[in-house]
Amino acid sequence: MKTVLVANPKGGSGKSTLAANLAGYWAWQGEQVMLGDLDRQHSARRWLALRPQRYPAIHGWDIADGEPLRPPKGTTAAVLDSPAGLHGKKLEAALKVCRRVLVPVQAAAFDMWASEDFFRQLAEEKVVRKGEVQIGIVAMRFNPRTQSARQLDSFLAGFGLPVLTHIRETQLYVQLQPRGLTLFDLPKPRYERDHAQWAPILSWLK
């Protein structure tokens, strides 16, 4: 089973955007996809309720407090969206289920500082030290022409973790959210640039 945790300790980093679009990609590949939501705001659940039935189905993975994190029977791909500040036993439980962790980071000082502490926390987890869980970084809302973007690249280079791709700063994802849609629901030729930015993530997850 394909399992991915999308995590960052700071709110507004792009976790739900990554999680929803990854679920959309796998749905188009014929996977039985579960999109889990550990966030109390239930952004992923609300987004799923808006998804038109004519598109490949993405199922909601209801996770109750105190219950073990176990994808429902028949699931072939699971994406776990997480809240800000995920740590301790909840982080440990998520890492037992997910073999890959995507960490979205934006080119802003507060985001980088929060991510720095999170990378240290992840490095201390047993499954990460043993190489059982792989971590990949995604630069979100990235504008290469800005000084902050150059600072982000320099900052991320210091952790020895793969920076998989840079997702450009665009209103596309914001416009898709209230429609329950993903990039992968759109005609690929028209959005070739955006699909190309996702290719390294999809290759890393195989």
N, C-alpha and C. Protein backbone atom coordinates (compact mmCIF):
# COMPACT_ATOMS: atom_id res chain seq x y z
N MET A 1 0.83 -1.20 0.00
CA MET A 1 0.00 0.00 0.00
C MET A 1 0.87 1.25 0.00
N LYS A 2 0.48 2.24 -0.76
CA LYS A 2 1.18 3.53 -0.77
C LYS A 2 0.65 4.37 0.39
N THR A 3 1.55 4.88 1.22
CA THR A 3 1.13 5.68 2.38
C THR A 3 2.03 6.90 2.51
N VAL A 4 1.41 8.06 2.66
CA VAL A 4 2.16 9.31 2.74
C VAL A 4 1.58 10.18 3.85
N LEU A 5 2.46 10.72 4.67
CA LEU A 5 2.09 11.73 5.66
C LEU A 5 2.54 13.09 5.15
N VAL A 6 1.64 14.07 5.16
CA VAL A 6 1.99 15.44 4.79
C VAL A 6 2.00 16.25 6.08
N ALA A 7 3.18 16.78 6.43
CA ALA A 7 3.32 17.38 7.76
C ALA A 7 4.23 18.58 7.76
N ASN A 8 3.87 19.54 8.58
CA ASN A 8 4.69 20.71 8.87
C ASN A 8 4.10 21.32 10.14
N PRO A 9 4.93 21.78 11.08
CA PRO A 9 4.38 22.28 12.34
C PRO A 9 3.65 23.61 12.23
N LYS A 10 3.78 24.30 11.09
CA LYS A 10 3.17 25.61 10.95
C LYS A 10 1.92 25.55 10.08
N GLY A 11 0.89 26.23 10.51
CA GLY A 11 -0.33 26.31 9.71
C GLY A 11 -0.11 27.16 8.47
N GLY A 12 -0.87 26.86 7.41
CA GLY A 12 -0.79 27.64 6.19
C GLY A 12 0.42 27.34 5.33
N SER A 13 1.06 26.21 5.56
CA SER A 13 2.28 25.90 4.80
C SER A 13 1.99 25.22 3.47
N GLY A 14 0.75 24.76 3.28
CA GLY A 14 0.39 24.09 2.04
C GLY A 14 0.16 22.60 2.19
N LYS A 15 0.00 22.14 3.43
CA LYS A 15 -0.19 20.70 3.67
C LYS A 15 -1.44 20.15 2.97
N SER A 16 -2.56 20.81 3.17
CA SER A 16 -3.81 20.30 2.59
C SER A 16 -3.78 20.35 1.07
N THR A 17 -3.13 21.36 0.52
CA THR A 17 -2.99 21.45 -0.95
C THR A 17 -2.22 20.25 -1.48
N LEU A 18 -1.10 19.93 -0.85
CA LEU A 18 -0.31 18.77 -1.27
C LEU A 18 -1.11 17.48 -1.11
N ALA A 19 -1.75 17.32 0.05
CA ALA A 19 -2.48 16.09 0.34
C ALA A 19 -3.62 15.86 -0.64
N ALA A 20 -4.42 16.89 -0.90
CA ALA A 20 -5.57 16.74 -1.79
C ALA A 20 -5.14 16.43 -3.21
N ASN A 21 -4.12 17.12 -3.69
CA ASN A 21 -3.69 16.92 -5.07
C ASN A 21 -3.02 15.56 -5.25
N LEU A 22 -2.28 15.10 -4.25
CA LEU A 22 -1.70 13.77 -4.34
C LEU A 22 -2.79 12.71 -4.37
N ALA A 23 -3.81 12.88 -3.53
CA ALA A 23 -4.94 11.96 -3.54
C ALA A 23 -5.62 11.96 -4.91
N GLY A 24 -5.75 13.14 -5.50
CA GLY A 24 -6.36 13.25 -6.83
C GLY A 24 -5.55 12.51 -7.88
N TYR A 25 -4.24 12.63 -7.82
CA TYR A 25 -3.39 11.92 -8.78
C TYR A 25 -3.60 10.41 -8.67
N TRP A 26 -3.54 9.89 -7.46
CA TRP A 26 -3.68 8.44 -7.28
C TRP A 26 -5.06 7.95 -7.67
N ALA A 27 -6.08 8.78 -7.45
CA ALA A 27 -7.43 8.40 -7.86
C ALA A 27 -7.49 8.20 -9.38
N TRP A 28 -6.82 9.08 -10.12
CA TRP A 28 -6.79 8.95 -11.58
C TRP A 28 -5.97 7.74 -12.03
N GLN A 29 -5.12 7.22 -11.17
CA GLN A 29 -4.34 6.03 -11.50
C GLN A 29 -5.09 4.74 -11.16
N GLY A 30 -6.32 4.87 -10.69
CA GLY A 30 -7.14 3.71 -10.39
C GLY A 30 -6.96 3.17 -8.98
N GLU A 31 -6.26 3.90 -8.13
CA GLU A 31 -6.07 3.45 -6.75
C GLU A 31 -7.34 3.67 -5.93
N GLN A 32 -7.50 2.84 -4.91
CA GLN A 32 -8.56 3.05 -3.93
C GLN A 32 -7.98 3.99 -2.86
N VAL A 33 -8.30 5.27 -2.99
CA VAL A 33 -7.60 6.30 -2.22
C VAL A 33 -8.39 6.70 -0.98
N MET A 34 -7.66 6.77 0.14
CA MET A 34 -8.21 7.30 1.37
C MET A 34 -7.46 8.58 1.72
N LEU A 35 -8.19 9.65 1.95
CA LEU A 35 -7.60 10.91 2.38
C LEU A 35 -7.97 11.11 3.84
N GLY A 36 -6.99 10.93 4.71
CA GLY A 36 -7.22 11.08 6.15
C GLY A 36 -6.92 12.48 6.61
N ASP A 37 -7.58 12.90 7.68
CA ASP A 37 -7.45 14.27 8.16
C ASP A 37 -7.29 14.26 9.67
N LEU A 38 -6.07 14.54 10.14
CA LEU A 38 -5.81 14.61 11.58
C LEU A 38 -6.07 16.00 12.14
N ASP A 39 -6.34 16.96 11.27
CA ASP A 39 -6.55 18.34 11.68
C ASP A 39 -7.97 18.54 12.21
N ARG A 40 -8.09 19.22 13.32
CA ARG A 40 -9.42 19.47 13.90
C ARG A 40 -10.28 20.35 13.00
N GLN A 41 -9.64 21.14 12.13
CA GLN A 41 -10.41 21.98 11.21
C GLN A 41 -11.06 21.16 10.10
N HIS A 42 -10.59 19.93 9.89
CA HIS A 42 -11.15 19.01 8.89
C HIS A 42 -11.24 19.64 7.50
N SER A 43 -10.18 20.32 7.11
CA SER A 43 -10.17 20.96 5.79
C SER A 43 -10.31 19.94 4.68
N ALA A 44 -9.61 18.83 4.82
CA ALA A 44 -9.66 17.79 3.78
C ALA A 44 -11.06 17.20 3.66
N ARG A 45 -11.72 17.00 4.80
CA ARG A 45 -13.08 16.43 4.78
C ARG A 45 -14.05 17.39 4.10
N ARG A 46 -13.92 18.66 4.39
CA ARG A 46 -14.81 19.65 3.77
C ARG A 46 -14.56 19.72 2.27
N TRP A 47 -13.29 19.61 1.87
CA TRP A 47 -12.96 19.62 0.45
C TRP A 47 -13.56 18.41 -0.25
N LEU A 48 -13.48 17.25 0.39
CA LEU A 48 -14.03 16.03 -0.21
C LEU A 48 -15.53 16.15 -0.44
N ALA A 49 -16.22 16.82 0.46
CA ALA A 49 -17.67 16.97 0.33
C ALA A 49 -18.05 17.77 -0.91
N LEU A 50 -17.12 18.56 -1.42
CA LEU A 50 -17.37 19.39 -2.59
C LEU A 50 -16.98 18.71 -3.90
N ARG A 51 -16.33 17.55 -3.82
CA ARG A 51 -15.80 16.91 -5.03
C ARG A 51 -16.93 16.35 -5.90
N PRO A 52 -16.99 16.76 -7.19
CA PRO A 52 -18.05 16.26 -8.08
C PRO A 52 -17.94 14.75 -8.29
N GLN A 53 -19.06 14.08 -8.40
CA GLN A 53 -19.08 12.63 -8.53
C GLN A 53 -18.54 12.14 -9.87
N ARG A 54 -18.48 13.01 -10.86
CA ARG A 54 -18.02 12.56 -12.18
C ARG A 54 -16.50 12.36 -12.24
N TYR A 55 -15.80 12.78 -11.20
CA TYR A 55 -14.35 12.59 -11.15
C TYR A 55 -14.02 11.35 -10.32
N PRO A 56 -12.83 10.77 -10.53
CA PRO A 56 -12.45 9.58 -9.76
C PRO A 56 -12.60 9.81 -8.26
N ALA A 57 -13.12 8.81 -7.60
CA ALA A 57 -13.48 8.95 -6.19
C ALA A 57 -12.25 8.99 -5.28
N ILE A 58 -12.34 9.85 -4.29
CA ILE A 58 -11.39 9.89 -3.18
C ILE A 58 -12.23 9.73 -1.92
N HIS A 59 -11.89 8.75 -1.11
CA HIS A 59 -12.69 8.45 0.07
C HIS A 59 -12.11 9.11 1.31
N GLY A 60 -13.00 9.50 2.20
CA GLY A 60 -12.57 10.09 3.45
C GLY A 60 -12.20 9.02 4.46
N TRP A 61 -11.12 9.22 5.13
CA TRP A 61 -10.63 8.29 6.15
C TRP A 61 -10.90 8.93 7.51
N ASP A 62 -11.99 8.52 8.15
CA ASP A 62 -12.36 9.10 9.44
C ASP A 62 -11.46 8.54 10.54
N ILE A 63 -10.82 9.43 11.26
CA ILE A 63 -9.87 9.04 12.30
C ILE A 63 -10.34 9.61 13.62
N ALA A 64 -10.75 8.75 14.53
CA ALA A 64 -11.22 9.19 15.84
C ALA A 64 -10.05 9.24 16.82
N ASP A 65 -10.12 10.18 17.76
CA ASP A 65 -9.07 10.30 18.78
C ASP A 65 -8.96 9.01 19.57
N GLY A 66 -7.74 8.58 19.76
CA GLY A 66 -7.51 7.38 20.57
C GLY A 66 -7.53 6.08 19.80
N GLU A 67 -8.08 6.11 18.57
CA GLU A 67 -8.12 4.88 17.78
C GLU A 67 -6.81 4.72 16.99
N PRO A 68 -6.40 3.47 16.73
CA PRO A 68 -5.16 3.26 15.96
C PRO A 68 -5.31 3.76 14.54
N LEU A 69 -4.21 4.30 14.00
CA LEU A 69 -4.21 4.77 12.61
C LEU A 69 -4.05 3.57 11.70
N ARG A 70 -5.16 3.15 11.12
CA ARG A 70 -5.14 2.00 10.24
C ARG A 70 -6.07 2.28 9.07
N PRO A 71 -5.53 2.37 7.84
CA PRO A 71 -6.39 2.63 6.68
C PRO A 71 -7.44 1.55 6.54
N PRO A 72 -8.65 1.91 6.11
CA PRO A 72 -9.73 0.93 5.95
C PRO A 72 -9.35 -0.19 4.97
N LYS A 73 -9.96 -1.33 5.15
CA LYS A 73 -9.71 -2.49 4.29
C LYS A 73 -10.01 -2.15 2.84
N GLY A 74 -9.16 -2.60 1.95
CA GLY A 74 -9.34 -2.35 0.53
C GLY A 74 -8.60 -1.12 0.02
N THR A 75 -8.03 -0.34 0.92
CA THR A 75 -7.28 0.84 0.53
C THR A 75 -5.98 0.44 -0.17
N THR A 76 -5.67 1.09 -1.27
CA THR A 76 -4.38 0.84 -1.94
C THR A 76 -3.46 2.05 -1.89
N ALA A 77 -4.01 3.22 -1.54
CA ALA A 77 -3.20 4.43 -1.39
C ALA A 77 -3.84 5.30 -0.32
N ALA A 78 -3.03 5.75 0.63
CA ALA A 78 -3.55 6.57 1.73
C ALA A 78 -2.70 7.81 1.90
N VAL A 79 -3.37 8.96 2.00
CA VAL A 79 -2.69 10.24 2.22
C VAL A 79 -3.21 10.79 3.54
N LEU A 80 -2.29 11.13 4.43
CA LEU A 80 -2.67 11.61 5.75
C LEU A 80 -2.29 13.08 5.89
N ASP A 81 -3.30 13.94 5.93
CA ASP A 81 -3.09 15.36 6.15
C ASP A 81 -3.02 15.60 7.65
N SER A 82 -2.11 16.44 8.09
CA SER A 82 -1.89 16.59 9.53
C SER A 82 -2.06 18.03 9.98
N PRO A 83 -2.31 18.23 11.26
CA PRO A 83 -2.48 19.59 11.78
C PRO A 83 -1.14 20.25 12.05
N ALA A 84 -1.18 21.55 12.26
CA ALA A 84 0.02 22.26 12.72
C ALA A 84 0.40 21.73 14.10
N GLY A 85 1.68 21.65 14.35
CA GLY A 85 2.14 21.23 15.66
C GLY A 85 2.09 19.74 15.91
N LEU A 86 2.02 18.93 14.87
CA LEU A 86 2.02 17.48 15.05
C LEU A 86 3.33 17.06 15.72
N HIS A 87 3.23 16.36 16.85
CA HIS A 87 4.43 15.95 17.57
C HIS A 87 4.09 14.82 18.53
N GLY A 88 5.10 14.35 19.23
CA GLY A 88 4.89 13.36 20.27
C GLY A 88 4.29 12.07 19.78
N LYS A 89 3.36 11.54 20.54
CA LYS A 89 2.76 10.23 20.24
C LYS A 89 1.96 10.24 18.94
N LYS A 90 1.33 11.38 18.62
CA LYS A 90 0.56 11.44 17.38
C LYS A 90 1.48 11.37 16.16
N LEU A 91 2.62 12.04 16.24
CA LEU A 91 3.59 11.96 15.15
C LEU A 91 4.15 10.55 15.06
N GLU A 92 4.46 9.97 16.19
CA GLU A 92 5.00 8.60 16.20
C GLU A 92 4.00 7.62 15.60
N ALA A 93 2.72 7.77 15.93
CA ALA A 93 1.70 6.88 15.39
C ALA A 93 1.56 7.04 13.88
N ALA A 94 1.63 8.27 13.40
CA ALA A 94 1.53 8.51 11.96
C ALA A 94 2.70 7.92 11.21
N LEU A 95 3.89 7.99 11.80
CA LEU A 95 5.08 7.45 11.15
C LEU A 95 5.08 5.93 11.11
N LYS A 96 4.31 5.30 11.97
CA LYS A 96 4.19 3.85 11.93
C LYS A 96 3.35 3.39 10.74
N VAL A 97 2.50 4.27 10.26
CA VAL A 97 1.60 3.94 9.16
C VAL A 97 2.18 4.38 7.82
N CYS A 98 2.85 5.53 7.79
CA CYS A 98 3.29 6.15 6.54
C CYS A 98 4.78 5.94 6.30
N ARG A 99 5.10 5.45 5.12
CA ARG A 99 6.50 5.18 4.76
C ARG A 99 7.18 6.39 4.15
N ARG A 100 6.41 7.39 3.77
CA ARG A 100 6.96 8.61 3.19
C ARG A 100 6.35 9.82 3.91
N VAL A 101 7.18 10.86 4.08
CA VAL A 101 6.71 12.11 4.68
C VAL A 101 7.05 13.25 3.74
N LEU A 102 6.03 14.00 3.34
CA LEU A 102 6.22 15.21 2.54
C LEU A 102 6.12 16.42 3.46
N VAL A 103 7.13 17.28 3.42
CA VAL A 103 7.15 18.47 4.26
C VAL A 103 7.11 19.71 3.38
N PRO A 104 5.97 20.39 3.30
CA PRO A 104 5.91 21.64 2.52
C PRO A 104 6.52 22.79 3.33
N VAL A 105 7.33 23.59 2.65
CA VAL A 105 7.96 24.74 3.31
C VAL A 105 7.85 25.95 2.40
N GLN A 106 7.49 27.09 2.99
CA GLN A 106 7.40 28.33 2.22
C GLN A 106 8.61 29.23 2.49
N ALA A 107 8.85 30.15 1.58
CA ALA A 107 10.00 31.05 1.67
C ALA A 107 9.69 32.24 2.58
N ALA A 108 9.50 31.96 3.85
CA ALA A 108 9.26 33.00 4.84
C ALA A 108 10.00 32.60 6.12
N ALA A 109 10.51 33.57 6.83
CA ALA A 109 11.35 33.28 7.99
C ALA A 109 10.63 32.42 9.03
N PHE A 110 9.37 32.74 9.35
CA PHE A 110 8.65 31.97 10.36
C PHE A 110 8.50 30.51 9.92
N ASP A 111 8.24 30.31 8.64
CA ASP A 111 8.08 28.94 8.12
C ASP A 111 9.40 28.18 8.21
N MET A 112 10.48 28.83 7.85
CA MET A 112 11.78 28.16 7.90
C MET A 112 12.19 27.83 9.33
N TRP A 113 11.96 28.74 10.25
CA TRP A 113 12.32 28.47 11.64
C TRP A 113 11.52 27.30 12.20
N ALA A 114 10.23 27.28 11.91
CA ALA A 114 9.39 26.17 12.38
C ALA A 114 9.83 24.85 11.77
N SER A 115 10.17 24.88 10.49
CA SER A 115 10.60 23.67 9.80
C SER A 115 11.91 23.15 10.36
N GLU A 116 12.79 24.05 10.72
CA GLU A 116 14.09 23.65 11.28
C GLU A 116 13.90 22.78 12.51
N ASP A 117 13.04 23.21 13.43
CA ASP A 117 12.77 22.42 14.63
C ASP A 117 12.12 21.09 14.28
N PHE A 118 11.25 21.11 13.28
CA PHE A 118 10.54 19.90 12.89
C PHE A 118 11.50 18.88 12.28
N PHE A 119 12.45 19.33 11.46
CA PHE A 119 13.43 18.43 10.88
C PHE A 119 14.25 17.75 11.98
N ARG A 120 14.61 18.50 13.01
CA ARG A 120 15.35 17.93 14.12
C ARG A 120 14.51 16.88 14.85
N GLN A 121 13.23 17.20 15.02
CA GLN A 121 12.32 16.27 15.68
C GLN A 121 12.19 14.98 14.88
N LEU A 122 12.03 15.11 13.57
CA LEU A 122 11.91 13.93 12.72
C LEU A 122 13.17 13.08 12.79
N ALA A 123 14.33 13.73 12.82
CA ALA A 123 15.60 13.00 12.84
C ALA A 123 15.75 12.14 14.08
N GLU A 124 15.03 12.50 15.15
CA GLU A 124 15.12 11.75 16.40
C GLU A 124 14.19 10.54 16.43
N GLU A 125 13.25 10.47 15.47
CA GLU A 125 12.32 9.35 15.45
C GLU A 125 13.04 8.07 15.01
N LYS A 126 12.77 7.00 15.70
CA LYS A 126 13.47 5.73 15.47
C LYS A 126 13.32 5.25 14.03
N VAL A 127 12.10 5.32 13.49
CA VAL A 127 11.86 4.81 12.13
C VAL A 127 12.60 5.63 11.08
N VAL A 128 12.85 6.90 11.38
CA VAL A 128 13.62 7.75 10.47
C VAL A 128 15.10 7.41 10.57
N ARG A 129 15.60 7.24 11.79
CA ARG A 129 17.01 6.89 11.98
C ARG A 129 17.35 5.56 11.32
N LYS A 130 16.41 4.63 11.34
CA LYS A 130 16.65 3.31 10.76
C LYS A 130 16.42 3.28 9.25
N GLY A 131 15.97 4.40 8.68
CA GLY A 131 15.75 4.47 7.25
C GLY A 131 14.46 3.83 6.79
N GLU A 132 13.54 3.55 7.72
CA GLU A 132 12.27 2.94 7.36
C GLU A 132 11.28 3.96 6.82
N VAL A 133 11.49 5.21 7.15
CA VAL A 133 10.64 6.30 6.67
C VAL A 133 11.53 7.32 5.96
N GLN A 134 11.13 7.71 4.75
CA GLN A 134 11.87 8.68 3.96
C GLN A 134 11.18 10.04 4.00
N ILE A 135 11.99 11.09 4.02
CA ILE A 135 11.46 12.46 4.11
C ILE A 135 11.82 13.23 2.86
N GLY A 136 10.84 13.91 2.28
CA GLY A 136 11.07 14.76 1.11
C GLY A 136 10.48 16.13 1.35
N ILE A 137 11.17 17.16 0.88
CA ILE A 137 10.75 18.54 1.08
C ILE A 137 10.18 19.10 -0.22
N VAL A 138 9.12 19.89 -0.09
CA VAL A 138 8.52 20.56 -1.24
C VAL A 138 8.47 22.06 -0.94
N ALA A 139 9.13 22.85 -1.76
CA ALA A 139 9.06 24.30 -1.63
C ALA A 139 7.73 24.77 -2.22
N MET A 140 6.93 25.44 -1.41
CA MET A 140 5.59 25.85 -1.81
C MET A 140 5.52 27.35 -2.10
N ARG A 141 4.62 27.70 -3.05
CA ARG A 141 4.38 29.10 -3.42
C ARG A 141 5.71 29.78 -3.73
N PHE A 142 6.47 29.14 -4.58
CA PHE A 142 7.85 29.52 -4.83
C PHE A 142 7.95 30.47 -6.01
N ASN A 143 8.61 31.58 -5.79
CA ASN A 143 8.88 32.55 -6.85
C ASN A 143 10.40 32.71 -6.95
N PRO A 144 11.04 32.12 -7.95
CA PRO A 144 12.50 32.11 -8.01
C PRO A 144 13.13 33.49 -8.18
N ARG A 145 12.32 34.49 -8.51
CA ARG A 145 12.87 35.83 -8.73
C ARG A 145 13.04 36.62 -7.44
N THR A 146 12.59 36.08 -6.31
CA THR A 146 12.63 36.81 -5.05
C THR A 146 13.86 36.42 -4.22
N GLN A 147 14.28 37.34 -3.38
CA GLN A 147 15.40 37.08 -2.49
C GLN A 147 15.04 36.00 -1.48
N SER A 148 13.79 36.00 -1.02
CA SER A 148 13.37 35.00 -0.04
C SER A 148 13.44 33.59 -0.61
N ALA A 149 13.20 33.45 -1.91
CA ALA A 149 13.31 32.14 -2.55
C ALA A 149 14.75 31.65 -2.52
N ARG A 150 15.69 32.54 -2.78
CA ARG A 150 17.10 32.16 -2.72
C ARG A 150 17.50 31.79 -1.29
N GLN A 151 16.96 32.51 -0.32
CA GLN A 151 17.24 32.19 1.08
C GLN A 151 16.67 30.83 1.46
N LEU A 152 15.50 30.51 0.91
CA LEU A 152 14.89 29.20 1.20
C LEU A 152 15.75 28.07 0.65
N ASP A 153 16.22 28.20 -0.58
CA ASP A 153 17.07 27.17 -1.16
C ASP A 153 18.34 26.97 -0.33
N SER A 154 18.92 28.07 0.11
CA SER A 154 20.14 27.99 0.93
C SER A 154 19.84 27.33 2.27
N PHE A 155 18.72 27.69 2.86
CA PHE A 155 18.31 27.13 4.15
C PHE A 155 18.09 25.61 4.04
N LEU A 156 17.35 25.18 3.04
CA LEU A 156 17.02 23.76 2.91
C LEU A 156 18.24 22.91 2.58
N ALA A 157 19.23 23.50 1.91
CA ALA A 157 20.42 22.75 1.54
C ALA A 157 21.21 22.28 2.75
N GLY A 158 20.98 22.89 3.90
CA GLY A 158 21.75 22.55 5.09
C GLY A 158 21.27 21.32 5.84
N PHE A 159 20.19 20.68 5.39
CA PHE A 159 19.64 19.57 6.16
C PHE A 159 19.94 18.20 5.56
N GLY A 160 20.49 18.17 4.36
CA GLY A 160 20.80 16.89 3.75
C GLY A 160 19.58 16.09 3.36
N LEU A 161 18.44 16.76 3.22
CA LEU A 161 17.20 16.10 2.82
C LEU A 161 16.87 16.49 1.38
N PRO A 162 16.26 15.60 0.61
CA PRO A 162 15.97 15.93 -0.78
C PRO A 162 14.88 16.99 -0.90
N VAL A 163 15.19 18.05 -1.65
CA VAL A 163 14.16 19.02 -2.03
C VAL A 163 13.60 18.53 -3.35
N LEU A 164 12.43 17.95 -3.30
CA LEU A 164 11.88 17.24 -4.46
C LEU A 164 11.52 18.17 -5.60
N THR A 165 10.90 19.29 -5.26
CA THR A 165 10.42 20.18 -6.32
C THR A 165 10.06 21.53 -5.73
N HIS A 166 9.79 22.48 -6.61
CA HIS A 166 9.32 23.81 -6.24
C HIS A 166 7.96 24.02 -6.91
N ILE A 167 6.93 24.20 -6.10
CA ILE A 167 5.59 24.48 -6.61
C ILE A 167 5.42 25.99 -6.73
N ARG A 168 5.16 26.45 -7.92
CA ARG A 168 5.15 27.88 -8.16
C ARG A 168 4.03 28.61 -7.43
N GLU A 169 4.26 29.89 -7.23
CA GLU A 169 3.25 30.76 -6.63
C GLU A 169 2.17 31.03 -7.68
N THR A 170 0.95 30.54 -7.42
CA THR A 170 -0.13 30.65 -8.39
C THR A 170 -1.47 30.59 -7.66
N GLN A 171 -2.48 31.18 -8.27
CA GLN A 171 -3.83 31.11 -7.71
C GLN A 171 -4.57 29.85 -8.16
N LEU A 172 -3.94 29.04 -8.98
CA LEU A 172 -4.61 27.86 -9.53
C LEU A 172 -5.15 26.95 -8.43
N TYR A 173 -4.32 26.60 -7.48
CA TYR A 173 -4.75 25.67 -6.43
C TYR A 173 -5.83 26.29 -5.54
N VAL A 174 -5.71 27.58 -5.30
CA VAL A 174 -6.73 28.27 -4.49
C VAL A 174 -8.08 28.23 -5.19
N GLN A 175 -8.08 28.40 -6.50
CA GLN A 175 -9.32 28.39 -7.26
C GLN A 175 -9.94 27.00 -7.36
N LEU A 176 -9.12 25.97 -7.31
CA LEU A 176 -9.63 24.61 -7.40
C LEU A 176 -10.25 24.13 -6.09
N GLN A 177 -9.77 24.62 -4.98
CA GLN A 177 -10.20 24.11 -3.67
C GLN A 177 -11.71 24.18 -3.44
N PRO A 178 -12.37 25.30 -3.66
CA PRO A 178 -13.82 25.36 -3.39
C PRO A 178 -14.66 24.56 -4.39
N ARG A 179 -14.02 23.98 -5.40
CA ARG A 179 -14.72 23.16 -6.38
C ARG A 179 -14.48 21.67 -6.13
N GLY A 180 -13.68 21.35 -5.12
CA GLY A 180 -13.39 19.95 -4.82
C GLY A 180 -12.49 19.30 -5.86
N LEU A 181 -11.69 20.11 -6.55
CA LEU A 181 -10.89 19.61 -7.66
C LEU A 181 -9.40 19.67 -7.36
N THR A 182 -8.62 18.97 -8.21
CA THR A 182 -7.17 18.97 -8.12
C THR A 182 -6.58 19.32 -9.48
N LEU A 183 -5.30 19.57 -9.49
CA LEU A 183 -4.60 19.81 -10.75
C LEU A 183 -4.82 18.67 -11.73
N PHE A 184 -4.89 17.45 -11.22
CA PHE A 184 -4.97 16.27 -12.07
C PHE A 184 -6.36 16.03 -12.64
N ASP A 185 -7.32 16.85 -12.24
CA ASP A 185 -8.64 16.81 -12.84
C ASP A 185 -8.73 17.73 -14.07
N LEU A 186 -7.68 18.48 -14.32
CA LEU A 186 -7.66 19.45 -15.41
C LEU A 186 -6.92 18.89 -16.63
N PRO A 187 -7.18 19.44 -17.81
CA PRO A 187 -6.49 18.96 -19.01
C PRO A 187 -4.98 19.17 -18.89
N LYS A 188 -4.22 18.10 -19.02
CA LYS A 188 -2.78 18.18 -18.82
C LYS A 188 -2.09 19.12 -19.81
N PRO A 189 -2.42 19.11 -21.10
CA PRO A 189 -1.72 20.01 -22.03
C PRO A 189 -1.82 21.48 -21.66
N ARG A 190 -2.94 21.85 -21.08
CA ARG A 190 -3.14 23.26 -20.73
C ARG A 190 -2.33 23.65 -19.49
N TYR A 191 -2.03 22.68 -18.63
CA TYR A 191 -1.33 22.97 -17.38
C TYR A 191 -0.03 22.16 -17.29
N GLU A 192 0.65 22.08 -18.42
CA GLU A 192 1.86 21.27 -18.52
C GLU A 192 2.93 21.72 -17.52
N ARG A 193 3.05 23.00 -17.35
CA ARG A 193 4.07 23.54 -16.43
C ARG A 193 3.84 23.05 -15.01
N ASP A 194 2.59 23.05 -14.58
CA ASP A 194 2.28 22.61 -13.21
C ASP A 194 2.45 21.11 -13.06
N HIS A 195 2.03 20.35 -14.06
CA HIS A 195 2.24 18.91 -14.01
C HIS A 195 3.73 18.57 -13.92
N ALA A 196 4.55 19.31 -14.63
CA ALA A 196 5.99 19.07 -14.61
C ALA A 196 6.57 19.28 -13.21
N GLN A 197 6.01 20.24 -12.47
CA GLN A 197 6.50 20.49 -11.12
C GLN A 197 6.15 19.35 -10.17
N TRP A 198 5.09 18.63 -10.47
CA TRP A 198 4.69 17.49 -9.62
C TRP A 198 5.44 16.21 -9.97
N ALA A 199 6.01 16.13 -11.15
CA ALA A 199 6.64 14.89 -11.61
C ALA A 199 7.69 14.35 -10.63
N PRO A 200 8.60 15.19 -10.07
CA PRO A 200 9.59 14.66 -9.12
C PRO A 200 8.97 14.06 -7.86
N ILE A 201 7.85 14.64 -7.39
CA ILE A 201 7.18 14.09 -6.21
C ILE A 201 6.63 12.70 -6.53
N LEU A 202 5.97 12.58 -7.65
CA LEU A 202 5.34 11.32 -8.03
C LEU A 202 6.39 10.25 -8.27
N SER A 203 7.51 10.63 -8.85
CA SER A 203 8.60 9.68 -9.07
C SER A 203 9.19 9.21 -7.75
N TRP A 204 9.37 10.12 -6.80
CA TRP A 204 9.93 9.79 -5.49
C TRP A 204 9.02 8.85 -4.70
N LEU A 205 7.72 8.97 -4.92
CA LEU A 205 6.76 8.16 -4.16
C LEU A 205 6.58 6.75 -4.72
N LYS A 206 7.10 6.50 -5.91
CA LYS A 206 6.91 5.16 -6.51
C LYS A 206 7.76 4.13 -5.78
